[in-house]
Amino acid sequence: MTLSFARDIQPLFLPFDRDQMRFAFDLWLHADVKTNAEMILQRLELGDMPCDRPWPQEQIALFRKWFEADCPP
């Protein structure tokens, strides 16, 4: 299965996550997340993003797989 930003990645970011990061970029826009994907992945793996709770390892692995596939739309 080919990963999709709209189907697989964007829904991982809750409205609260989006609101908290809007000062820097929009977590619901493919272009913004793709541009910042390496930093986002690092922060997810450190557990300090999203700011209100760490993601389960399955979600981090899904984001990593999307990133390694060159962030498909």
Protein backbone atom coordinates (compact mmCIF):
# COMPACT_ATOMS: atom_id res chain seq x y z
CA MET A 1 0.00 0.00 0.00
CA THR A 2 1.31 3.43 -0.95
CA LEU A 3 1.17 5.91 1.90
CA SER A 4 -0.77 9.12 1.46
CA PHE A 5 -0.37 12.33 3.40
CA ALA A 6 -4.12 13.06 3.40
CA ARG A 7 -5.14 9.52 4.36
CA ASP A 8 -2.29 8.34 6.61
CA ILE A 9 -0.28 11.26 8.01
CA GLN A 10 -2.44 14.36 8.35
CA PRO A 11 -5.02 12.56 10.57
CA LEU A 12 -2.25 11.75 13.07
CA PHE A 13 -2.03 15.45 13.92
CA LEU A 14 -4.94 16.55 16.08
CA PRO A 15 -6.49 20.03 15.85
CA PHE A 16 -4.65 20.94 19.08
CA ASP A 17 -1.31 19.89 17.53
CA ARG A 18 -2.03 22.02 14.47
CA ASP A 19 -2.96 25.05 16.57
CA GLN A 20 0.18 24.75 18.70
CA MET A 21 2.50 24.64 15.66
CA ARG A 22 0.80 27.22 13.42
CA PHE A 23 3.36 29.85 14.45
CA ALA A 24 5.96 27.82 12.50
CA PHE A 25 4.06 25.75 9.92
CA ASP A 26 0.73 24.03 9.29
CA LEU A 27 0.65 20.35 10.22
CA TRP A 28 -2.35 19.82 7.95
CA LEU A 29 -0.57 21.03 4.80
CA HIS A 30 1.48 18.48 2.88
CA ALA A 31 4.03 21.05 1.69
CA ASP A 32 4.68 22.33 5.22
CA VAL A 33 5.02 18.87 6.74
CA LYS A 34 7.22 17.64 3.87
CA THR A 35 9.52 20.66 4.24
CA ASN A 36 9.86 20.02 7.97
CA ALA A 37 9.54 16.21 7.96
CA GLU A 38 13.06 15.42 9.13
CA MET A 39 12.77 17.76 12.12
CA ILE A 40 9.25 16.52 12.90
CA LEU A 41 10.46 12.91 12.87
CA GLN A 42 13.34 13.77 15.20
CA ARG A 43 10.96 15.51 17.61
CA LEU A 44 8.48 12.63 17.45
CA GLU A 45 11.25 10.14 18.25
CA LEU A 46 12.40 12.29 21.18
CA GLY A 47 8.83 12.36 22.48
CA ASP A 48 8.58 16.14 22.69
CA MET A 49 6.21 16.50 19.76
CA PRO A 50 3.27 16.73 19.86
CA CYS A 51 3.54 18.87 22.94
CA ASP A 52 0.70 17.28 24.93
CA ARG A 53 1.59 13.58 24.61
CA PRO A 54 4.10 11.31 22.89
CA TRP A 55 2.87 9.29 19.92
CA PRO A 56 2.70 5.51 20.13
CA GLN A 57 5.59 3.77 18.39
CA GLU A 58 3.25 2.56 15.61
CA GLN A 59 2.42 6.15 14.65
CA ILE A 60 6.07 7.19 14.71
CA ALA A 61 6.93 4.19 12.53
CA LEU A 62 4.19 5.18 10.07
CA PHE A 63 5.53 8.75 9.88
CA ARG A 64 9.08 7.41 9.42
CA LYS A 65 7.92 5.11 6.60
CA TRP A 66 6.18 8.07 4.90
CA PHE A 67 9.31 10.21 5.31
CA GLU A 68 11.57 7.47 3.92
CA ALA A 69 9.23 7.16 0.91
CA ASP A 70 9.99 10.83 0.11
CA CYS A 71 6.81 12.18 1.71
CA PRO A 72 4.19 11.28 -0.92
CA PRO A 73 1.15 13.55 -1.19
